[in-house]
Amino acid sequence: MRTTLLLARHGQTVWHAENRYAGVSDVALTDTGRAQAEALGRWAAAHPVDAIWTSLVSRAIATAGPACRALGLTPHREPDLRECDFGEVEGHTLAEFADRDPGAAEAFRADPVAHPFPGAEDPKAAADRGAAAVHRIAAAHDGERVLVVAHNTLLRLVLCSLLSIPLADYRRVFPQLRNAAVSELRMDTGSVGLISLNVPCEPAEA
């Protein structure tokens, strides 16, 4: 098996513009997020893929929409690509959580896997389901290029899992996956390689 996966975080939402955690909540894209989705569509037109997969959440589906239209592809949906459930911090910022519970916030910063937010999904379980989904997608598209549109924390955990990086380091090693930027993975039988990370879909303005 040899599959190229192009991983992209969805476009900006209102909550992400304010640095609020959006996990299970269905939060719409901002105007900026829609423009980022259009840029991803233009990138896909110039760098065609054979298939497109998304989570079931509207912000991921909307981000993939322009690419699907550009290439005439019907997107596949994968429930295990959903974002992590952030429990009590859903819809809030880390700073707001730290104001309420400084000790828990400090423990999270030190090791977000051993000390997730109260009521949150177990990060290891999220990494396992996300990595399993990515392996299934790769196996279904042997020899092809596949665009996968999902979510910031889930994809960072998956990258750590696939690349044998300790999950506890996901916030340090991958501080952020930029909205609608593309990260390329090469999936071979028994091995995974990171080819590029956070490549913007359009060149920065001079």
N, C-alpha and C. Protein backbone atom coordinates (compact mmCIF):
# COMPACT_ATOMS: atom_id res chain seq x y z
N MET A 1 0.84 -1.20 0.00
CA MET A 1 0.00 0.00 0.00
C MET A 1 0.87 1.24 0.00
N ARG A 2 0.50 2.21 -0.83
CA ARG A 2 1.15 3.52 -0.82
C ARG A 2 0.10 4.56 -1.17
N THR A 3 -0.27 5.35 -0.18
CA THR A 3 -1.31 6.35 -0.35
C THR A 3 -0.80 7.70 0.15
N THR A 4 -1.15 8.75 -0.57
CA THR A 4 -0.84 10.11 -0.13
C THR A 4 -2.09 10.74 0.47
N LEU A 5 -1.98 11.14 1.73
CA LEU A 5 -3.09 11.81 2.40
C LEU A 5 -2.76 13.28 2.57
N LEU A 6 -3.66 14.14 2.17
CA LEU A 6 -3.52 15.59 2.35
C LEU A 6 -4.49 15.99 3.46
N LEU A 7 -3.96 16.24 4.64
CA LEU A 7 -4.78 16.57 5.80
C LEU A 7 -4.99 18.07 5.89
N ALA A 8 -6.23 18.49 6.07
CA ALA A 8 -6.53 19.91 6.20
C ALA A 8 -7.50 20.13 7.34
N ARG A 9 -7.19 21.11 8.16
CA ARG A 9 -8.15 21.57 9.17
C ARG A 9 -9.20 22.42 8.47
N HIS A 10 -10.42 22.38 8.96
CA HIS A 10 -11.49 23.21 8.38
C HIS A 10 -11.16 24.69 8.48
N GLY A 11 -11.95 25.51 7.80
CA GLY A 11 -11.76 26.96 7.84
C GLY A 11 -12.14 27.56 9.18
N GLN A 12 -11.82 28.83 9.33
CA GLN A 12 -12.06 29.54 10.59
C GLN A 12 -13.55 29.61 10.91
N THR A 13 -13.87 29.46 12.20
CA THR A 13 -15.23 29.67 12.69
C THR A 13 -15.23 30.84 13.66
N VAL A 14 -16.42 31.25 14.05
CA VAL A 14 -16.54 32.35 15.02
C VAL A 14 -15.81 32.01 16.30
N TRP A 15 -15.99 30.80 16.79
CA TRP A 15 -15.33 30.41 18.03
C TRP A 15 -13.82 30.36 17.90
N HIS A 16 -13.33 29.88 16.76
CA HIS A 16 -11.88 29.81 16.60
C HIS A 16 -11.27 31.20 16.46
N ALA A 17 -12.01 32.12 15.86
CA ALA A 17 -11.53 33.49 15.78
C ALA A 17 -11.32 34.07 17.17
N GLU A 18 -12.12 33.59 18.15
CA GLU A 18 -12.01 34.05 19.54
C GLU A 18 -11.20 33.08 20.40
N ASN A 19 -10.60 32.06 19.76
CA ASN A 19 -9.78 31.06 20.46
C ASN A 19 -10.60 30.23 21.45
N ARG A 20 -11.88 29.98 21.09
CA ARG A 20 -12.73 29.15 21.93
C ARG A 20 -12.69 27.70 21.44
N TYR A 21 -12.76 26.77 22.37
CA TYR A 21 -12.73 25.36 22.00
C TYR A 21 -14.05 24.95 21.36
N ALA A 22 -13.97 24.43 20.15
CA ALA A 22 -15.15 23.92 19.44
C ALA A 22 -14.91 22.46 19.12
N GLY A 23 -15.57 21.59 19.86
CA GLY A 23 -15.41 20.17 19.64
C GLY A 23 -16.65 19.58 19.02
N VAL A 24 -17.60 19.19 19.88
CA VAL A 24 -18.83 18.56 19.40
C VAL A 24 -19.84 19.60 18.89
N SER A 25 -19.65 20.86 19.22
CA SER A 25 -20.58 21.90 18.78
C SER A 25 -20.46 22.12 17.28
N ASP A 26 -21.60 22.37 16.64
CA ASP A 26 -21.61 22.60 15.19
C ASP A 26 -21.57 24.11 14.96
N VAL A 27 -20.38 24.64 14.78
CA VAL A 27 -20.16 26.09 14.68
C VAL A 27 -19.87 26.44 13.22
N ALA A 28 -20.55 27.47 12.72
CA ALA A 28 -20.44 27.82 11.30
C ALA A 28 -19.13 28.54 10.99
N LEU A 29 -18.74 28.50 9.72
CA LEU A 29 -17.58 29.22 9.27
C LEU A 29 -17.84 30.73 9.26
N THR A 30 -16.79 31.51 9.48
CA THR A 30 -16.85 32.96 9.30
C THR A 30 -16.65 33.26 7.81
N ASP A 31 -16.75 34.54 7.45
CA ASP A 31 -16.43 34.95 6.07
C ASP A 31 -15.00 34.56 5.73
N THR A 32 -14.10 34.74 6.70
CA THR A 32 -12.71 34.33 6.49
C THR A 32 -12.62 32.83 6.26
N GLY A 33 -13.36 32.07 7.05
CA GLY A 33 -13.36 30.62 6.89
C GLY A 33 -13.87 30.19 5.53
N ARG A 34 -14.90 30.86 5.03
CA ARG A 34 -15.41 30.53 3.69
C ARG A 34 -14.39 30.89 2.62
N ALA A 35 -13.68 31.99 2.80
CA ALA A 35 -12.63 32.35 1.85
C ALA A 35 -11.50 31.32 1.89
N GLN A 36 -11.18 30.82 3.08
CA GLN A 36 -10.16 29.77 3.18
C GLN A 36 -10.61 28.50 2.48
N ALA A 37 -11.90 28.17 2.59
CA ALA A 37 -12.42 27.00 1.89
C ALA A 37 -12.31 27.18 0.37
N GLU A 38 -12.59 28.37 -0.12
CA GLU A 38 -12.46 28.63 -1.56
C GLU A 38 -11.00 28.49 -1.99
N ALA A 39 -10.08 28.95 -1.15
CA ALA A 39 -8.65 28.81 -1.47
C ALA A 39 -8.26 27.33 -1.53
N LEU A 40 -8.80 26.53 -0.60
CA LEU A 40 -8.52 25.09 -0.63
C LEU A 40 -9.08 24.48 -1.91
N GLY A 41 -10.23 24.96 -2.36
CA GLY A 41 -10.80 24.48 -3.61
C GLY A 41 -9.92 24.79 -4.80
N ARG A 42 -9.35 26.00 -4.81
CA ARG A 42 -8.44 26.35 -5.92
C ARG A 42 -7.17 25.51 -5.86
N TRP A 43 -6.70 25.24 -4.64
CA TRP A 43 -5.53 24.38 -4.49
C TRP A 43 -5.82 22.99 -5.03
N ALA A 44 -6.99 22.46 -4.70
CA ALA A 44 -7.35 21.12 -5.17
C ALA A 44 -7.47 21.08 -6.69
N ALA A 45 -7.97 22.16 -7.29
CA ALA A 45 -8.07 22.21 -8.76
C ALA A 45 -6.69 22.15 -9.39
N ALA A 46 -5.68 22.74 -8.73
CA ALA A 46 -4.32 22.75 -9.26
C ALA A 46 -3.52 21.52 -8.86
N HIS A 47 -3.95 20.84 -7.80
CA HIS A 47 -3.26 19.64 -7.30
C HIS A 47 -4.30 18.55 -7.08
N PRO A 48 -4.87 18.00 -8.14
CA PRO A 48 -6.05 17.13 -8.02
C PRO A 48 -5.83 15.92 -7.10
N VAL A 49 -6.92 15.56 -6.43
CA VAL A 49 -6.94 14.38 -5.58
C VAL A 49 -7.98 13.41 -6.15
N ASP A 50 -7.88 12.17 -5.71
CA ASP A 50 -8.79 11.14 -6.21
C ASP A 50 -10.05 10.99 -5.36
N ALA A 51 -9.97 11.43 -4.12
CA ALA A 51 -11.12 11.30 -3.21
C ALA A 51 -11.01 12.35 -2.12
N ILE A 52 -12.16 12.68 -1.52
CA ILE A 52 -12.22 13.65 -0.44
C ILE A 52 -13.05 13.05 0.70
N TRP A 53 -12.49 13.12 1.91
CA TRP A 53 -13.17 12.63 3.11
C TRP A 53 -13.28 13.78 4.11
N THR A 54 -14.39 13.79 4.86
CA THR A 54 -14.58 14.80 5.90
C THR A 54 -15.21 14.16 7.13
N SER A 55 -15.17 14.90 8.24
CA SER A 55 -15.98 14.52 9.39
C SER A 55 -17.44 14.85 9.06
N LEU A 56 -18.33 14.57 10.01
CA LEU A 56 -19.75 14.80 9.78
C LEU A 56 -20.20 16.22 10.14
N VAL A 57 -19.27 17.04 10.62
CA VAL A 57 -19.63 18.37 11.12
C VAL A 57 -19.65 19.39 9.97
N SER A 58 -20.58 20.32 10.03
CA SER A 58 -20.82 21.22 8.89
C SER A 58 -19.59 22.06 8.55
N ARG A 59 -18.78 22.45 9.54
CA ARG A 59 -17.63 23.30 9.23
C ARG A 59 -16.60 22.54 8.38
N ALA A 60 -16.47 21.23 8.59
CA ALA A 60 -15.57 20.44 7.76
C ALA A 60 -16.19 20.19 6.38
N ILE A 61 -17.47 19.89 6.34
CA ILE A 61 -18.16 19.66 5.07
C ILE A 61 -18.12 20.92 4.21
N ALA A 62 -18.39 22.08 4.81
CA ALA A 62 -18.38 23.34 4.06
C ALA A 62 -16.98 23.67 3.55
N THR A 63 -15.96 23.34 4.34
CA THR A 63 -14.59 23.63 3.91
C THR A 63 -14.21 22.77 2.71
N ALA A 64 -14.68 21.53 2.68
CA ALA A 64 -14.37 20.64 1.57
C ALA A 64 -15.21 20.93 0.33
N GLY A 65 -16.31 21.66 0.49
CA GLY A 65 -17.24 21.88 -0.62
C GLY A 65 -16.62 22.42 -1.89
N PRO A 66 -15.85 23.52 -1.84
CA PRO A 66 -15.27 24.05 -3.07
C PRO A 66 -14.33 23.06 -3.77
N ALA A 67 -13.58 22.27 -3.01
CA ALA A 67 -12.70 21.27 -3.62
C ALA A 67 -13.52 20.18 -4.31
N CYS A 68 -14.61 19.76 -3.66
CA CYS A 68 -15.48 18.76 -4.27
C CYS A 68 -16.06 19.27 -5.58
N ARG A 69 -16.51 20.52 -5.58
CA ARG A 69 -17.08 21.09 -6.80
C ARG A 69 -16.02 21.25 -7.89
N ALA A 70 -14.83 21.67 -7.50
CA ALA A 70 -13.77 21.88 -8.48
C ALA A 70 -13.39 20.59 -9.19
N LEU A 71 -13.44 19.47 -8.46
CA LEU A 71 -13.00 18.19 -9.01
C LEU A 71 -14.15 17.26 -9.39
N GLY A 72 -15.38 17.70 -9.14
CA GLY A 72 -16.53 16.85 -9.46
C GLY A 72 -16.60 15.60 -8.61
N LEU A 73 -16.17 15.71 -7.34
CA LEU A 73 -16.15 14.55 -6.45
C LEU A 73 -17.27 14.64 -5.41
N THR A 74 -17.82 13.50 -5.06
CA THR A 74 -18.77 13.41 -3.95
C THR A 74 -17.99 13.05 -2.70
N PRO A 75 -18.05 13.86 -1.65
CA PRO A 75 -17.24 13.58 -0.46
C PRO A 75 -17.73 12.36 0.30
N HIS A 76 -16.79 11.65 0.89
CA HIS A 76 -17.09 10.57 1.82
C HIS A 76 -17.14 11.16 3.23
N ARG A 77 -17.99 10.60 4.09
CA ARG A 77 -18.11 11.04 5.47
C ARG A 77 -17.57 9.97 6.41
N GLU A 78 -16.82 10.40 7.43
CA GLU A 78 -16.25 9.47 8.39
C GLU A 78 -16.50 10.00 9.80
N PRO A 79 -17.39 9.36 10.56
CA PRO A 79 -17.71 9.87 11.90
C PRO A 79 -16.52 9.90 12.84
N ASP A 80 -15.54 9.01 12.65
CA ASP A 80 -14.40 8.97 13.55
C ASP A 80 -13.38 10.09 13.28
N LEU A 81 -13.66 10.94 12.29
CA LEU A 81 -12.84 12.13 12.07
C LEU A 81 -13.36 13.33 12.85
N ARG A 82 -14.37 13.12 13.68
CA ARG A 82 -14.93 14.25 14.45
C ARG A 82 -13.90 14.81 15.43
N GLU A 83 -14.09 16.05 15.81
CA GLU A 83 -13.21 16.68 16.78
C GLU A 83 -13.43 16.07 18.16
N CYS A 84 -12.45 16.24 19.02
CA CYS A 84 -12.56 15.79 20.41
C CYS A 84 -13.69 16.55 21.12
N ASP A 85 -14.30 15.89 22.06
CA ASP A 85 -15.26 16.55 22.95
C ASP A 85 -14.45 17.18 24.08
N PHE A 86 -14.57 18.49 24.24
CA PHE A 86 -13.77 19.21 25.23
C PHE A 86 -14.46 19.37 26.58
N GLY A 87 -15.56 18.68 26.78
CA GLY A 87 -16.20 18.67 28.09
C GLY A 87 -16.60 20.05 28.57
N GLU A 88 -16.22 20.37 29.80
CA GLU A 88 -16.64 21.64 30.42
C GLU A 88 -16.05 22.87 29.72
N VAL A 89 -15.01 22.68 28.92
CA VAL A 89 -14.37 23.83 28.28
C VAL A 89 -14.95 24.10 26.89
N GLU A 90 -15.86 23.24 26.42
CA GLU A 90 -16.51 23.48 25.14
C GLU A 90 -17.13 24.88 25.10
N GLY A 91 -16.77 25.65 24.08
CA GLY A 91 -17.29 27.00 23.93
C GLY A 91 -16.58 28.06 24.74
N HIS A 92 -15.54 27.67 25.49
CA HIS A 92 -14.79 28.60 26.32
C HIS A 92 -13.33 28.64 25.88
N THR A 93 -12.60 29.61 26.38
CA THR A 93 -11.17 29.71 26.12
C THR A 93 -10.39 29.06 27.27
N LEU A 94 -9.14 28.75 26.98
CA LEU A 94 -8.28 28.20 28.04
C LEU A 94 -8.09 29.23 29.15
N ALA A 95 -8.02 30.49 28.79
CA ALA A 95 -7.87 31.54 29.80
C ALA A 95 -9.08 31.59 30.73
N GLU A 96 -10.28 31.42 30.18
CA GLU A 96 -11.49 31.41 31.02
C GLU A 96 -11.47 30.20 31.96
N PHE A 97 -11.03 29.05 31.44
CA PHE A 97 -10.92 27.86 32.29
C PHE A 97 -9.90 28.08 33.40
N ALA A 98 -8.78 28.72 33.07
CA ALA A 98 -7.74 28.98 34.07
C ALA A 98 -8.24 29.91 35.16
N ASP A 99 -9.10 30.86 34.82
CA ASP A 99 -9.68 31.74 35.83
C ASP A 99 -10.53 30.95 36.82
N ARG A 100 -11.26 29.94 36.31
CA ARG A 100 -12.14 29.13 37.16
C ARG A 100 -11.37 28.10 37.97
N ASP A 101 -10.36 27.49 37.33
CA ASP A 101 -9.65 26.38 37.98
C ASP A 101 -8.18 26.43 37.57
N PRO A 102 -7.40 27.31 38.21
CA PRO A 102 -5.99 27.48 37.81
C PRO A 102 -5.18 26.19 37.88
N GLY A 103 -5.41 25.37 38.89
CA GLY A 103 -4.65 24.14 39.03
C GLY A 103 -4.90 23.17 37.90
N ALA A 104 -6.17 22.99 37.54
CA ALA A 104 -6.51 22.08 36.44
C ALA A 104 -5.98 22.58 35.11
N ALA A 105 -6.02 23.91 34.92
CA ALA A 105 -5.48 24.48 33.68
C ALA A 105 -3.98 24.28 33.59
N GLU A 106 -3.27 24.44 34.69
CA GLU A 106 -1.83 24.24 34.70
C GLU A 106 -1.49 22.77 34.43
N ALA A 107 -2.26 21.86 35.02
CA ALA A 107 -2.03 20.43 34.79
C ALA A 107 -2.27 20.09 33.31
N PHE A 108 -3.30 20.69 32.72
CA PHE A 108 -3.57 20.48 31.29
C PHE A 108 -2.40 20.97 30.44
N ARG A 109 -1.91 22.14 30.75
CA ARG A 109 -0.78 22.67 29.97
C ARG A 109 0.44 21.77 30.08
N ALA A 110 0.67 21.19 31.25
CA ALA A 110 1.84 20.34 31.46
C ALA A 110 1.70 19.00 30.75
N ASP A 111 0.49 18.42 30.76
CA ASP A 111 0.26 17.13 30.12
C ASP A 111 -1.22 17.02 29.78
N PRO A 112 -1.60 17.44 28.56
CA PRO A 112 -3.02 17.48 28.21
C PRO A 112 -3.65 16.10 28.02
N VAL A 113 -2.82 15.05 27.96
CA VAL A 113 -3.36 13.70 27.82
C VAL A 113 -3.63 13.09 29.19
N ALA A 114 -2.71 13.25 30.11
CA ALA A 114 -2.91 12.75 31.47
C ALA A 114 -3.93 13.58 32.24
N HIS A 115 -4.07 14.86 31.87
CA HIS A 115 -4.97 15.76 32.60
C HIS A 115 -5.87 16.52 31.61
N PRO A 116 -6.77 15.81 30.92
CA PRO A 116 -7.69 16.49 29.99
C PRO A 116 -8.69 17.36 30.76
N PHE A 117 -9.45 18.15 30.03
CA PHE A 117 -10.46 18.99 30.66
C PHE A 117 -11.53 18.12 31.34
N PRO A 118 -12.14 18.63 32.41
CA PRO A 118 -13.20 17.87 33.07
C PRO A 118 -14.33 17.52 32.10
N GLY A 119 -14.70 16.26 32.09
CA GLY A 119 -15.78 15.80 31.22
C GLY A 119 -15.41 15.62 29.77
N ALA A 120 -14.13 15.82 29.44
CA ALA A 120 -13.69 15.73 28.05
C ALA A 120 -13.47 14.28 27.63
N GLU A 121 -13.46 14.07 26.32
CA GLU A 121 -13.11 12.76 25.77
C GLU A 121 -11.66 12.42 26.11
N ASP A 122 -11.40 11.17 26.39
CA ASP A 122 -10.03 10.71 26.64
C ASP A 122 -9.19 10.95 25.39
N PRO A 123 -8.14 11.79 25.45
CA PRO A 123 -7.35 12.08 24.26
C PRO A 123 -6.75 10.84 23.60
N LYS A 124 -6.37 9.85 24.39
CA LYS A 124 -5.83 8.62 23.81
C LYS A 124 -6.89 7.90 22.99
N ALA A 125 -8.12 7.85 23.50
CA ALA A 125 -9.21 7.23 22.74
C ALA A 125 -9.47 7.99 21.45
N ALA A 126 -9.41 9.32 21.51
CA ALA A 126 -9.59 10.14 20.31
C ALA A 126 -8.49 9.86 19.30
N ALA A 127 -7.24 9.78 19.78
CA ALA A 127 -6.13 9.48 18.88
C ALA A 127 -6.29 8.12 18.23
N ASP A 128 -6.74 7.14 19.01
CA ASP A 128 -6.91 5.78 18.48
C ASP A 128 -7.99 5.74 17.40
N ARG A 129 -9.13 6.38 17.66
CA ARG A 129 -10.20 6.34 16.66
C ARG A 129 -9.82 7.11 15.41
N GLY A 130 -9.14 8.26 15.60
CA GLY A 130 -8.74 9.05 14.45
C GLY A 130 -7.69 8.34 13.61
N ALA A 131 -6.70 7.74 14.26
CA ALA A 131 -5.66 7.03 13.52
C ALA A 131 -6.25 5.82 12.80
N ALA A 132 -7.18 5.12 13.44
CA ALA A 132 -7.82 3.99 12.78
C ALA A 132 -8.59 4.44 11.54
N ALA A 133 -9.27 5.59 11.64
CA ALA A 133 -9.99 6.12 10.49
C ALA A 133 -9.04 6.46 9.35
N VAL A 134 -7.92 7.09 9.68
CA VAL A 134 -6.93 7.45 8.65
C VAL A 134 -6.37 6.19 7.99
N HIS A 135 -6.10 5.16 8.75
CA HIS A 135 -5.61 3.90 8.17
C HIS A 135 -6.66 3.29 7.25
N ARG A 136 -7.93 3.33 7.65
CA ARG A 136 -8.99 2.78 6.79
C ARG A 136 -9.08 3.55 5.48
N ILE A 137 -8.99 4.87 5.58
CA ILE A 137 -9.06 5.70 4.37
C ILE A 137 -7.89 5.40 3.45
N ALA A 138 -6.70 5.30 4.01
CA ALA A 138 -5.52 5.00 3.19
C ALA A 138 -5.65 3.64 2.51
N ALA A 139 -6.13 2.65 3.25
CA ALA A 139 -6.27 1.31 2.68
C ALA A 139 -7.30 1.27 1.56
N ALA A 140 -8.32 2.12 1.67
CA ALA A 140 -9.37 2.15 0.65
C ALA A 140 -8.94 2.86 -0.63
N HIS A 141 -7.81 3.58 -0.57
CA HIS A 141 -7.37 4.38 -1.72
C HIS A 141 -5.90 4.10 -2.03
N ASP A 142 -5.54 2.84 -2.09
CA ASP A 142 -4.16 2.45 -2.39
C ASP A 142 -3.69 3.09 -3.69
N GLY A 143 -2.54 3.77 -3.62
CA GLY A 143 -1.96 4.39 -4.80
C GLY A 143 -2.57 5.72 -5.19
N GLU A 144 -3.49 6.24 -4.38
CA GLU A 144 -4.19 7.47 -4.73
C GLU A 144 -3.81 8.62 -3.80
N ARG A 145 -4.28 9.82 -4.18
CA ARG A 145 -4.14 11.02 -3.36
C ARG A 145 -5.51 11.35 -2.79
N VAL A 146 -5.55 11.58 -1.47
CA VAL A 146 -6.83 11.77 -0.79
C VAL A 146 -6.76 13.01 0.09
N LEU A 147 -7.74 13.89 -0.06
CA LEU A 147 -7.87 15.06 0.81
C LEU A 147 -8.77 14.69 1.99
N VAL A 148 -8.29 14.94 3.20
CA VAL A 148 -9.04 14.64 4.43
C VAL A 148 -9.23 15.95 5.20
N VAL A 149 -10.47 16.39 5.35
CA VAL A 149 -10.77 17.65 6.05
C VAL A 149 -11.36 17.31 7.42
N ALA A 150 -10.64 17.72 8.47
CA ALA A 150 -11.08 17.38 9.82
C ALA A 150 -10.76 18.53 10.77
N HIS A 151 -10.18 18.24 11.94
CA HIS A 151 -10.17 19.20 13.04
C HIS A 151 -8.81 19.29 13.72
N ASN A 152 -8.55 20.43 14.33
CA ASN A 152 -7.23 20.78 14.84
C ASN A 152 -6.69 19.80 15.88
N THR A 153 -7.39 19.63 16.99
CA THR A 153 -6.86 18.76 18.04
C THR A 153 -6.85 17.30 17.60
N LEU A 154 -7.91 16.84 16.96
CA LEU A 154 -7.97 15.45 16.50
C LEU A 154 -6.81 15.16 15.55
N LEU A 155 -6.55 16.02 14.58
CA LEU A 155 -5.48 15.77 13.62
C LEU A 155 -4.11 15.82 14.27
N ARG A 156 -3.92 16.69 15.26
CA ARG A 156 -2.63 16.74 15.95
C ARG A 156 -2.38 15.46 16.74
N LEU A 157 -3.41 14.96 17.40
CA LEU A 157 -3.29 13.69 18.10
C LEU A 157 -3.01 12.55 17.12
N VAL A 158 -3.69 12.56 15.99
CA VAL A 158 -3.48 11.52 14.97
C VAL A 158 -2.05 11.58 14.44
N LEU A 159 -1.55 12.77 14.16
CA LEU A 159 -0.17 12.90 13.68
C LEU A 159 0.81 12.32 14.69
N CYS A 160 0.61 12.62 15.96
CA CYS A 160 1.49 12.06 16.98
C CYS A 160 1.40 10.54 16.99
N SER A 161 0.20 10.01 16.93
CA SER A 161 0.01 8.56 16.95
C SER A 161 0.69 7.90 15.76
N LEU A 162 0.50 8.44 14.57
CA LEU A 162 1.04 7.84 13.36
C LEU A 162 2.56 7.97 13.28
N LEU A 163 3.10 9.04 13.85
CA LEU A 163 4.54 9.32 13.73
C LEU A 163 5.32 8.91 14.97
N SER A 164 4.68 8.18 15.88
CA SER A 164 5.33 7.68 17.11
C SER A 164 5.88 8.81 17.98
N ILE A 165 5.13 9.91 18.06
CA ILE A 165 5.44 11.02 18.94
C ILE A 165 4.57 10.88 20.19
N PRO A 166 5.11 11.05 21.39
CA PRO A 166 4.26 10.92 22.59
C PRO A 166 3.03 11.83 22.51
N LEU A 167 1.87 11.27 22.77
CA LEU A 167 0.65 12.05 22.68
C LEU A 167 0.68 13.27 23.59
N ALA A 168 1.33 13.15 24.73
CA ALA A 168 1.38 14.27 25.68
C ALA A 168 2.03 15.50 25.07
N ASP A 169 2.79 15.32 23.99
CA ASP A 169 3.52 16.43 23.37
C ASP A 169 2.78 17.07 22.20
N TYR A 170 1.51 16.69 21.98
CA TYR A 170 0.86 17.16 20.76
C TYR A 170 0.74 18.68 20.69
N ARG A 171 0.54 19.36 21.82
CA ARG A 171 0.41 20.81 21.80
C ARG A 171 1.77 21.49 21.61
N ARG A 172 2.84 20.82 22.03
CA ARG A 172 4.18 21.39 21.88
C ARG A 172 4.75 21.14 20.49
N VAL A 173 4.63 19.91 20.00
CA VAL A 173 5.21 19.57 18.70
C VAL A 173 4.39 20.17 17.55
N PHE A 174 3.08 20.17 17.72
CA PHE A 174 2.19 20.75 16.70
C PHE A 174 1.34 21.84 17.36
N PRO A 175 1.90 23.04 17.56
CA PRO A 175 1.16 24.09 18.27
C PRO A 175 -0.19 24.42 17.62
N GLN A 176 -0.23 24.32 16.30
CA GLN A 176 -1.48 24.64 15.61
C GLN A 176 -1.43 24.12 14.18
N LEU A 177 -2.53 23.54 13.74
CA LEU A 177 -2.72 23.31 12.31
C LEU A 177 -3.53 24.50 11.80
N ARG A 178 -2.97 25.21 10.86
CA ARG A 178 -3.64 26.42 10.38
C ARG A 178 -4.89 26.06 9.58
N ASN A 179 -5.87 26.94 9.65
CA ASN A 179 -7.12 26.71 8.95
C ASN A 179 -6.90 26.54 7.45
N ALA A 180 -7.38 25.42 6.91
CA ALA A 180 -7.37 25.12 5.48
C ALA A 180 -5.97 25.00 4.88
N ALA A 181 -4.93 24.94 5.71
CA ALA A 181 -3.60 24.62 5.21
C ALA A 181 -3.50 23.10 5.06
N VAL A 182 -2.54 22.66 4.24
CA VAL A 182 -2.45 21.24 3.89
C VAL A 182 -1.18 20.64 4.47
N SER A 183 -1.32 19.48 5.09
CA SER A 183 -0.18 18.70 5.58
C SER A 183 -0.20 17.35 4.86
N GLU A 184 0.93 16.97 4.29
CA GLU A 184 0.99 15.77 3.45
C GLU A 184 1.61 14.60 4.21
N LEU A 185 0.90 13.47 4.20
CA LEU A 185 1.40 12.23 4.77
C LEU A 185 1.57 11.20 3.67
N ARG A 186 2.66 10.45 3.72
CA ARG A 186 2.87 9.32 2.83
C ARG A 186 2.63 8.04 3.63
N MET A 187 1.60 7.29 3.27
CA MET A 187 1.24 6.07 3.99
C MET A 187 1.69 4.87 3.17
N ASP A 188 2.73 4.19 3.64
CA ASP A 188 3.20 2.95 3.03
C ASP A 188 2.86 1.80 3.96
N THR A 189 2.85 0.60 3.45
CA THR A 189 2.60 -0.56 4.30
C THR A 189 3.62 -0.59 5.44
N GLY A 190 3.12 -0.44 6.65
CA GLY A 190 3.98 -0.52 7.82
C GLY A 190 4.73 0.74 8.16
N SER A 191 4.54 1.83 7.43
CA SER A 191 5.27 3.06 7.75
C SER A 191 4.46 4.28 7.33
N VAL A 192 4.73 5.38 8.04
CA VAL A 192 4.08 6.67 7.74
C VAL A 192 5.15 7.74 7.74
N GLY A 193 5.13 8.61 6.74
CA GLY A 193 6.09 9.71 6.67
C GLY A 193 5.39 11.04 6.50
N LEU A 194 5.86 12.05 7.22
CA LEU A 194 5.33 13.41 7.08
C LEU A 194 6.15 14.14 6.03
N ILE A 195 5.51 14.50 4.94
CA ILE A 195 6.19 15.16 3.82
C ILE A 195 6.19 16.67 3.99
N SER A 196 5.07 17.22 4.45
CA SER A 196 4.98 18.68 4.64
C SER A 196 3.94 18.96 5.70
N LEU A 197 4.04 20.16 6.30
CA LEU A 197 3.15 20.55 7.39
C LEU A 197 2.69 21.99 7.21
N ASN A 198 1.38 22.22 7.33
CA ASN A 198 0.83 23.58 7.35
C ASN A 198 1.17 24.39 6.10
N VAL A 199 1.11 23.75 4.94
CA VAL A 199 1.41 24.48 3.69
C VAL A 199 0.18 25.28 3.30
N PRO A 200 0.30 26.61 3.16
CA PRO A 200 -0.88 27.41 2.80
C PRO A 200 -1.33 27.09 1.39
N CYS A 201 -2.63 27.24 1.15
CA CYS A 201 -3.18 26.93 -0.16
C CYS A 201 -2.86 28.00 -1.19
N GLU A 202 -2.60 29.20 -0.71
CA GLU A 202 -2.24 30.30 -1.61
C GLU A 202 -1.03 31.01 -1.05
N PRO A 203 -0.15 31.53 -1.90
CA PRO A 203 1.03 32.23 -1.40
C PRO A 203 0.63 33.47 -0.62
N ALA A 204 1.43 33.79 0.39
CA ALA A 204 1.17 35.00 1.19
C ALA A 204 1.34 36.23 0.31
N GLU A 205 0.54 37.25 0.64
CA GLU A 205 0.64 38.49 -0.11
C GLU A 205 1.97 39.17 0.16
N ALA A 206 2.51 39.81 -0.86
CA ALA A 206 3.80 40.50 -0.71
C ALA A 206 3.63 41.71 0.19
